[in-house]
PDB file of N, CA and C in Angstrom:
ATOM      1  N   MET A   1      17.129 -24.181  -6.803  1.00  0.00           N
ATOM      2  CA  MET A   1      16.331 -22.924  -6.549  1.00  0.00           C
ATOM      3  C   MET A   1      16.827 -22.234  -5.249  1.00  0.00           C
ATOM      4  N   PRO A   2      17.199 -20.940  -5.520  1.00  0.00           N
ATOM      5  CA  PRO A   2      17.820 -20.366  -4.180  1.00  0.00           C
ATOM      6  C   PRO A   2      17.018 -20.119  -2.737  1.00  0.00           C
ATOM      7  N   ALA A   3      17.601 -20.258  -1.719  1.00  0.00           N
ATOM      8  CA  ALA A   3      16.914 -20.182  -0.701  1.00  0.00           C
ATOM      9  C   ALA A   3      16.529 -19.104  -0.189  1.00  0.00           C
ATOM     10  N   LEU A   4      15.437 -18.851   0.627  1.00  0.00           N
ATOM     11  CA  LEU A   4      15.498 -17.250   0.599  1.00  0.00           C
ATOM     12  C   LEU A   4      15.782 -16.875   2.075  1.00  0.00           C
ATOM     13  N   ALA A   5      16.456 -15.765   2.174  1.00  0.00           N
ATOM     14  CA  ALA A   5      17.332 -15.136   3.325  1.00  0.00           C
ATOM     15  C   ALA A   5      16.161 -14.681   4.538  1.00  0.00           C
ATOM     16  N   VAL A   6      16.673 -15.370   5.453  1.00  0.00           N
ATOM     17  CA  VAL A   6      15.729 -15.506   6.763  1.00  0.00           C
ATOM     18  C   VAL A   6      16.428 -14.218   7.615  1.00  0.00           C
ATOM     19  N   ARG A   7      15.373 -13.521   8.435  1.00  0.00           N
ATOM     20  CA  ARG A   7      16.519 -12.483   9.297  1.00  0.00           C
ATOM     21  C   ARG A   7      16.002 -13.112  10.555  1.00  0.00           C
ATOM     22  N   ILE A   8      16.999 -13.305  11.440  1.00  0.00           N
ATOM     23  CA  ILE A   8      16.816 -13.585  12.973  1.00  0.00           C
ATOM     24  C   ILE A   8      17.137 -12.616  13.726  1.00  0.00           C
ATOM     25  N   GLY A   9      15.974 -12.514  14.363  1.00  0.00           N
ATOM     26  CA  GLY A   9      15.898 -11.533  15.507  1.00  0.00           C
ATOM     27  C   GLY A   9      14.412 -11.261  15.538  1.00  0.00           C
ATOM     28  N   GLY A  10      14.046  -9.961  16.502  1.00  0.00           N
ATOM     29  CA  GLY A  10      12.730  -9.609  16.744  1.00  0.00           C
ATOM     30  C   GLY A  10      12.455  -8.716  15.971  1.00  0.00           C
ATOM     31  N   GLY A  11      11.254  -8.461  15.601  1.00  0.00           N
ATOM     32  CA  GLY A  11      10.593  -7.075  15.267  1.00  0.00           C
ATOM     33  C   GLY A  11      10.509  -7.122  13.559  1.00  0.00           C
ATOM     34  N   PRO A  12       9.715  -6.326  13.114  1.00  0.00           N
ATOM     35  CA  PRO A  12       9.495  -6.365  11.778  1.00  0.00           C
ATOM     36  C   PRO A  12      11.178  -5.586  10.888  1.00  0.00           C
ATOM     37  N   GLN A  13      11.422  -6.034   9.848  1.00  0.00           N
ATOM     38  CA  GLN A  13      12.144  -5.469   9.048  1.00  0.00           C
ATOM     39  C   GLN A  13      12.256  -3.852   8.877  1.00  0.00           C
ATOM     40  N   PRO A  14      13.175  -3.199   8.561  1.00  0.00           N
ATOM     41  CA  PRO A  14      12.779  -1.584   8.583  1.00  0.00           C
ATOM     42  C   PRO A  14      12.039  -1.301   7.671  1.00  0.00           C
ATOM     43  N   GLU A  15      11.980  -2.187   6.223  1.00  0.00           N
ATOM     44  CA  GLU A  15      11.181  -1.876   5.110  1.00  0.00           C
ATOM     45  C   GLU A  15      10.075  -2.034   5.704  1.00  0.00           C
ATOM     46  N   GLN A  16       9.609  -3.034   6.129  1.00  0.00           N
ATOM     47  CA  GLN A  16       7.980  -3.352   6.741  1.00  0.00           C
ATOM     48  C   GLN A  16       7.530  -2.282   7.429  1.00  0.00           C
ATOM     49  N   ARG A  17       8.352  -1.871   8.363  1.00  0.00           N
ATOM     50  CA  ARG A  17       8.154  -0.565   9.430  1.00  0.00           C
ATOM     51  C   ARG A  17       7.625   0.742   8.636  1.00  0.00           C
ATOM     52  N   LEU A  18       8.483   0.751   7.532  1.00  0.00           N
ATOM     53  CA  LEU A  18       8.015   2.009   6.525  1.00  0.00           C
ATOM     54  C   LEU A  18       6.775   1.682   6.025  1.00  0.00           C
ATOM     55  N   ARG A  19       6.701   0.466   5.463  1.00  0.00           N
ATOM     56  CA  ARG A  19       5.362   0.066   4.746  1.00  0.00           C
ATOM     57  C   ARG A  19       4.349   0.344   5.783  1.00  0.00           C
ATOM     58  N   ASP A  20       4.410  -0.272   6.851  1.00  0.00           N
ATOM     59  CA  ASP A  20       3.008  -0.138   8.040  1.00  0.00           C
ATOM     60  C   ASP A  20       2.864   1.232   8.126  1.00  0.00           C
ATOM     61  N   LEU A  21       4.156   2.489   8.103  1.00  0.00           N
ATOM     62  CA  LEU A  21       3.480   3.670   8.194  1.00  0.00           C
ATOM     63  C   LEU A  21       2.577   4.210   7.247  1.00  0.00           C
ATOM     64  N   VAL A  22       2.968   3.707   6.008  1.00  0.00           N
ATOM     65  CA  VAL A  22       2.112   4.171   4.669  1.00  0.00           C
ATOM     66  C   VAL A  22       1.124   3.572   4.929  1.00  0.00           C
ATOM     67  N   ILE A  23       0.821   2.348   5.475  1.00  0.00           N
ATOM     68  CA  ILE A  23      -0.785   1.730   5.432  1.00  0.00           C
ATOM     69  C   ILE A  23      -1.669   2.347   6.453  1.00  0.00           C
ATOM     70  N   ALA A  24      -0.752   2.982   7.671  1.00  0.00           N
ATOM     71  CA  ALA A  24      -1.459   3.468   8.431  1.00  0.00           C
ATOM     72  C   ALA A  24      -1.945   5.001   8.492  1.00  0.00           C
ATOM     73  N   ARG A  25      -1.026   5.561   7.433  1.00  0.00           N
ATOM     74  CA  ARG A  25      -1.822   7.185   7.018  1.00  0.00           C
ATOM     75  C   ARG A  25      -2.953   6.947   6.022  1.00  0.00           C
ATOM     76  N   LEU A  26      -2.598   5.979   4.985  1.00  0.00           N
ATOM     77  CA  LEU A  26      -3.730   5.727   4.334  1.00  0.00           C
ATOM     78  C   LEU A  26      -4.971   5.142   4.742  1.00  0.00           C
ATOM     79  N   ALA A  27      -4.924   4.546   5.824  1.00  0.00           N
ATOM     80  CA  ALA A  27      -6.129   4.000   6.595  1.00  0.00           C
ATOM     81  C   ALA A  27      -6.852   4.925   7.062  1.00  0.00           C
ATOM     82  N   ALA A  28      -5.999   6.073   7.532  1.00  0.00           N
ATOM     83  CA  ALA A  28      -6.657   7.267   8.317  1.00  0.00           C
ATOM     84  C   ALA A  28      -7.569   8.243   7.292  1.00  0.00           C
ATOM     85  N   GLU A  29      -6.976   8.100   5.944  1.00  0.00           N
ATOM     86  CA  GLU A  29      -7.573   8.940   4.749  1.00  0.00           C
ATOM     87  C   GLU A  29      -8.979   8.094   4.353  1.00  0.00           C
ATOM     88  N   PHE A  30      -8.751   6.582   4.172  1.00  0.00           N
ATOM     89  CA  PHE A  30      -9.504   5.883   3.470  1.00  0.00           C
ATOM     90  C   PHE A  30     -10.234   4.724   4.420  1.00  0.00           C
ATOM     91  N   ALA A  31     -10.857   5.296   5.373  1.00  0.00           N
ATOM     92  CA  ALA A  31     -11.577   4.441   6.425  1.00  0.00           C
ATOM     93  C   ALA A  31     -12.412   3.347   5.820  1.00  0.00           C
ATOM     94  N   THR A  32     -13.099   3.475   4.360  1.00  0.00           N
ATOM     95  CA  THR A  32     -13.788   2.695   4.298  1.00  0.00           C
ATOM     96  C   THR A  32     -13.132   1.494   3.404  1.00  0.00           C
ATOM     97  N   VAL A  33     -11.479   1.565   3.175  1.00  0.00           N
ATOM     98  CA  VAL A  33     -11.005   0.640   2.457  1.00  0.00           C
ATOM     99  C   VAL A  33     -10.547  -0.455   3.671  1.00  0.00           C
ATOM    100  N   PRO A  34     -10.507  -1.881   3.132  1.00  0.00           N
ATOM    101  CA  PRO A  34     -10.143  -2.713   4.502  1.00  0.00           C
ATOM    102  C   PRO A  34      -8.408  -2.618   4.271  1.00  0.00           C
ATOM    103  N   ALA A  35      -8.179  -3.067   5.597  1.00  0.00           N
ATOM    104  CA  ALA A  35      -6.763  -3.034   5.943  1.00  0.00           C
ATOM    105  C   ALA A  35      -5.835  -3.999   4.806  1.00  0.00           C
ATOM    106  N   ALA A  36      -6.582  -5.021   4.539  1.00  0.00           N
ATOM    107  CA  ALA A  36      -5.711  -6.165   3.689  1.00  0.00           C
ATOM    108  C   ALA A  36      -5.550  -5.363   2.391  1.00  0.00           C
ATOM    109  N   VAL A  37      -6.648  -4.745   1.630  1.00  0.00           N
ATOM    110  CA  VAL A  37      -6.506  -4.098   0.765  1.00  0.00           C
ATOM    111  C   VAL A  37      -5.570  -3.150   0.500  1.00  0.00           C
ATOM    112  N   LEU A  38      -5.532  -2.516   1.512  1.00  0.00           N
ATOM    113  CA  LEU A  38      -4.153  -1.415   1.482  1.00  0.00           C
ATOM    114  C   LEU A  38      -2.867  -2.156   1.648  1.00  0.00           C
ATOM    115  N   SER A  39      -2.904  -3.176   2.335  1.00  0.00           N
ATOM    116  CA  SER A  39      -1.809  -3.303   2.814  1.00  0.00           C
ATOM    117  C   SER A  39      -1.244  -4.369   1.163  1.00  0.00           C
ATOM    118  N   ARG A  40      -1.937  -4.766   0.783  1.00  0.00           N
ATOM    119  CA  ARG A  40      -1.944  -5.308  -0.595  1.00  0.00           C
ATOM    120  C   ARG A  40      -1.451  -4.417  -1.802  1.00  0.00           C
ATOM    121  N   LEU A  41      -2.132  -3.253  -1.263  1.00  0.00           N
ATOM    122  CA  LEU A  41      -1.755  -2.114  -2.572  1.00  0.00           C
ATOM    123  C   LEU A  41      -0.478  -1.499  -2.562  1.00  0.00           C
ATOM    124  N   VAL A  42       0.160  -1.130  -1.137  1.00  0.00           N
ATOM    125  CA  VAL A  42       1.340  -0.530  -0.579  1.00  0.00           C
ATOM    126  C   VAL A  42       2.349  -1.597  -1.144  1.00  0.00           C
ATOM    127  N   ALA A  43       2.059  -3.027  -0.916  1.00  0.00           N
ATOM    128  CA  ALA A  43       3.067  -3.741  -1.265  1.00  0.00           C
ATOM    129  C   ALA A  43       3.279  -3.878  -2.739  1.00  0.00           C
ATOM    130  N   ASP A  44       1.970  -3.864  -3.342  1.00  0.00           N
ATOM    131  CA  ASP A  44       2.319  -3.724  -4.701  1.00  0.00           C
ATOM    132  C   ASP A  44       3.104  -2.639  -5.686  1.00  0.00           C
ATOM    133  N   VAL A  45       2.541  -1.409  -5.068  1.00  0.00           N
ATOM    134  CA  VAL A  45       3.230  -0.077  -5.598  1.00  0.00           C
ATOM    135  C   VAL A  45       4.747   0.074  -5.113  1.00  0.00           C
ATOM    136  N   TRP A  46       5.160  -0.576  -3.811  1.00  0.00           N
ATOM    137  CA  TRP A  46       6.508  -0.553  -3.554  1.00  0.00           C
ATOM    138  C   TRP A  46       7.170  -1.544  -4.224  1.00  0.00           C
ATOM    139  N   VAL A  47       6.889  -2.612  -4.748  1.00  0.00           N
ATOM    140  CA  VAL A  47       7.669  -3.510  -5.627  1.00  0.00           C
ATOM    141  C   VAL A  47       7.648  -3.159  -7.325  1.00  0.00           C
ATOM    142  N   CYS A  48       6.367  -2.375  -7.429  1.00  0.00           N
ATOM    143  CA  CYS A  48       6.116  -1.948  -8.689  1.00  0.00           C
ATOM    144  C   CYS A  48       7.530  -0.650  -9.189  1.00  0.00           C
ATOM    145  N   ALA A  49       7.497  -0.124  -7.986  1.00  0.00           N
ATOM    146  CA  ALA A  49       8.636   0.981  -7.901  1.00  0.00           C
ATOM    147  C   ALA A  49      10.062   0.549  -8.100  1.00  0.00           C
ATOM    148  N   GLU A  50      10.265  -0.303  -7.326  1.00  0.00           N
ATOM    149  CA  GLU A  50      11.560  -1.121  -7.499  1.00  0.00           C
ATOM    150  C   GLU A  50      11.725  -1.588  -8.490  1.00  0.00           C
ATOM    151  N   HIS A  51      10.952  -2.339  -9.370  1.00  0.00           N
ATOM    152  CA  HIS A  51      11.082  -2.799 -10.841  1.00  0.00           C
ATOM    153  C   HIS A  51      11.182  -1.944 -11.634  1.00  0.00           C
ATOM    154  N   LEU A  52      10.946  -0.499 -11.518  1.00  0.00           N
ATOM    155  CA  LEU A  52      11.211   0.310 -12.309  1.00  0.00           C
ATOM    156  C   LEU A  52      12.355   1.402 -12.247  1.00  0.00           C
ATOM    157  N   GLY A  53      13.180   0.672 -11.065  1.00  0.00           N
ATOM    158  CA  GLY A  53      14.549   1.545 -11.013  1.00  0.00           C
ATOM    159  C   GLY A  53      14.501   2.521  -9.917  1.00  0.00           C
ATOM    160  N   LEU A  54      13.091   3.089  -9.525  1.00  0.00           N
ATOM    161  CA  LEU A  54      12.788   3.966  -8.711  1.00  0.00           C
ATOM    162  C   LEU A  54      13.594   4.166  -7.370  1.00  0.00           C
ATOM    163  N   ASP A  55      14.175   5.323  -7.110  1.00  0.00           N
ATOM    164  CA  ASP A  55      14.652   5.172  -5.628  1.00  0.00           C
ATOM    165  C   ASP A  55      13.264   5.060  -4.534  1.00  0.00           C
ATOM    166  N   VAL A  56      13.104   4.183  -4.077  1.00  0.00           N
ATOM    167  CA  VAL A  56      11.812   3.902  -3.435  1.00  0.00           C
ATOM    168  C   VAL A  56      11.678   4.551  -1.919  1.00  0.00           C
ATOM    169  N   THR A  57      10.863   5.546  -1.753  1.00  0.00           N
ATOM    170  CA  THR A  57      10.607   5.949  -0.704  1.00  0.00           C
ATOM    171  C   THR A  57       9.374   6.165  -0.194  1.00  0.00           C
ATOM    172  N   PRO A  58       8.912   6.111   1.329  1.00  0.00           N
ATOM    173  CA  PRO A  58       7.569   6.048   1.864  1.00  0.00           C
ATOM    174  C   PRO A  58       6.560   7.180   1.203  1.00  0.00           C
ATOM    175  N   GLU A  59       7.330   8.198   0.615  1.00  0.00           N
ATOM    176  CA  GLU A  59       6.494   9.624   0.226  1.00  0.00           C
ATOM    177  C   GLU A  59       6.162   9.207  -1.235  1.00  0.00           C
ATOM    178  N   ILE A  60       6.956   8.689  -1.611  1.00  0.00           N
ATOM    179  CA  ILE A  60       6.314   7.956  -3.272  1.00  0.00           C
ATOM    180  C   ILE A  60       5.389   6.941  -3.198  1.00  0.00           C
ATOM    181  N   VAL A  61       5.374   6.214  -2.307  1.00  0.00           N
ATOM    182  CA  VAL A  61       4.543   4.878  -2.305  1.00  0.00           C
ATOM    183  C   VAL A  61       3.375   5.159  -1.782  1.00  0.00           C
ATOM    184  N   GLU A  62       3.446   6.390  -0.926  1.00  0.00           N
ATOM    185  CA  GLU A  62       1.932   7.046  -0.405  1.00  0.00           C
ATOM    186  C   GLU A  62       1.250   7.919  -1.375  1.00  0.00           C
ATOM    187  N   ARG A  63       2.296   8.469  -2.315  1.00  0.00           N
ATOM    188  CA  ARG A  63       1.551   9.237  -3.157  1.00  0.00           C
ATOM    189  C   ARG A  63       0.987   8.595  -4.133  1.00  0.00           C
ATOM    190  N   VAL A  64       1.568   7.508  -4.771  1.00  0.00           N
ATOM    191  CA  VAL A  64       0.959   6.539  -5.747  1.00  0.00           C
ATOM    192  C   VAL A  64       0.124   5.803  -5.475  1.00  0.00           C
ATOM    193  N   ALA A  65      -0.054   4.972  -4.021  1.00  0.00           N
ATOM    194  CA  ALA A  65      -1.100   4.499  -3.658  1.00  0.00           C
ATOM    195  C   ALA A  65      -2.286   5.177  -3.367  1.00  0.00           C
ATOM    196  N   ARG A  66      -2.050   6.628  -3.189  1.00  0.00           N
ATOM    197  CA  ARG A  66      -3.120   7.447  -3.045  1.00  0.00           C
ATOM    198  C   ARG A  66      -3.906   7.618  -4.048  1.00  0.00           C
ATOM    199  N   GLU A  67      -3.058   7.857  -5.142  1.00  0.00           N
ATOM    200  CA  GLU A  67      -3.544   8.146  -6.676  1.00  0.00           C
ATOM    201  C   GLU A  67      -4.401   6.837  -6.746  1.00  0.00           C
ATOM    202  N   ARG A  68      -4.198   5.877  -6.993  1.00  0.00           N
ATOM    203  CA  ARG A  68      -4.579   4.578  -7.315  1.00  0.00           C
ATOM    204  C   ARG A  68      -6.172   4.457  -6.357  1.00  0.00           C
ATOM    205  N   LEU A  69      -5.921   4.619  -5.004  1.00  0.00           N
ATOM    206  CA  LEU A  69      -7.278   4.684  -4.187  1.00  0.00           C
ATOM    207  C   LEU A  69      -8.148   5.544  -4.717  1.00  0.00           C
ATOM    208  N   LEU A  70      -7.682   6.998  -4.864  1.00  0.00           N
ATOM    209  CA  LEU A  70      -8.337   7.782  -5.453  1.00  0.00           C
ATOM    210  C   LEU A  70      -9.306   7.562  -7.103  1.00  0.00           C
ATOM    211  N   GLY A  71      -8.494   6.919  -7.615  1.00  0.00           N
ATOM    212  CA  GLY A  71      -9.121   6.292  -8.849  1.00  0.00           C
ATOM    213  C   GLY A  71     -10.056   5.257  -8.801  1.00  0.00           C
ATOM    214  N   LEU A  72      -9.630   4.128  -7.800  1.00  0.00           N
ATOM    215  CA  LEU A  72     -10.559   3.361  -7.371  1.00  0.00           C
ATOM    216  C   LEU A  72     -11.979   4.015  -6.869  1.00  0.00           C
ATOM    217  N   MET A  73     -12.022   4.857  -6.280  1.00  0.00           N
ATOM    218  CA  MET A  73     -13.317   5.209  -5.035  1.00  0.00           C
ATOM    219  C   MET A  73     -13.914   5.982  -6.445  1.00  0.00           C
ATOM    220  N   ASN A  74     -13.103   6.704  -7.138  1.00  0.00           N
ATOM    221  CA  ASN A  74     -14.034   7.924  -8.139  1.00  0.00           C
ATOM    222  C   ASN A  74     -14.634   7.073  -9.135  1.00  0.00           C
ATOM    223  N   SER A  75     -14.233   5.744  -9.239  1.00  0.00           N
ATOM    224  CA  SER A  75     -14.445   4.825 -10.502  1.00  0.00           C
ATOM    225  C   SER A  75     -15.722   3.830  -9.932  1.00  0.00           C
ATOM    226  N   THR A  76     -16.037   3.745  -8.835  1.00  0.00           N
ATOM    227  CA  THR A  76     -17.425   3.522  -8.270  1.00  0.00           C
ATOM    228  C   THR A  76     -18.374   3.930  -8.278  1.00  0.00           C
ATOM    229  N   PRO A  77     -19.391   3.183  -9.193  1.00  0.00           N
ATOM    230  CA  PRO A  77     -21.164   4.118  -9.579  1.00  0.00           C
ATOM    231  C   PRO A  77     -21.517   4.470  -8.100  1.00  0.00           C
ATOM    232  N   PRO A  78     -22.465   5.174  -8.242  1.00  0.00           N
ATOM    233  CA  PRO A  78     -22.926   5.652  -6.815  1.00  0.00           C
ATOM    234  C   PRO A  78     -24.009   4.746  -6.894  1.00  0.00           C
ATOM    235  N   ARG A  79     -24.419   4.025  -5.447  1.00  0.00           N
ATOM    236  CA  ARG A  79     -25.324   3.540  -5.363  1.00  0.00           C
ATOM    237  C   ARG A  79     -26.862   4.036  -5.508  1.00  0.00           C
ATOM    238  N   ARG A  80     -27.633   3.457  -5.926  1.00  0.00           N
ATOM    239  CA  ARG A  80     -29.008   3.677  -6.297  1.00  0.00           C
ATOM    240  C   ARG A  80     -29.731   3.676  -4.993  1.00  0.00           C
ATOM    241  N   SER A  81     -30.918   4.688  -4.759  1.00  0.00           N
ATOM    242  CA  SER A  81     -31.774   4.127  -3.765  1.00  0.00           C
ATOM    243  C   SER A  81     -33.027   3.671  -4.489  1.00  0.00           C
ATOM    244  N   ARG A  82     -33.302   2.744  -3.511  1.00  0.00           N
ATOM    245  CA  ARG A  82     -34.670   2.211  -4.085  1.00  0.00           C
ATOM    246  C   ARG A  82     -36.025   3.181  -3.746  1.00  0.00           C
ATOM    247  N   ALA A  83     -36.803   3.628  -4.504  1.00  0.00           N
ATOM    248  CA  ALA A  83     -37.857   4.513  -4.210  1.00  0.00           C
ATOM    249  C   ALA A  83     -39.100   3.932  -4.239  1.00  0.00           C
TER     250      ALA A  83
END
């Protein structure tokens, strides 16, 4: 099994910094969504875009992640109030 490449040095990798920026922008827009969910969603969108052979940019990842979040928010049934 091949060994994973290890980056020696401080600070996050450039790709991770871009992901963090996307997560921060989405967190400001979707305040009710936990940060862990946003992080997992952005990572998933990033990997899916790479798998499809797209030129992955933060703008594309943000747009697709936002659409998935809007779909998630709009598919949640409204809460019933007890009368």
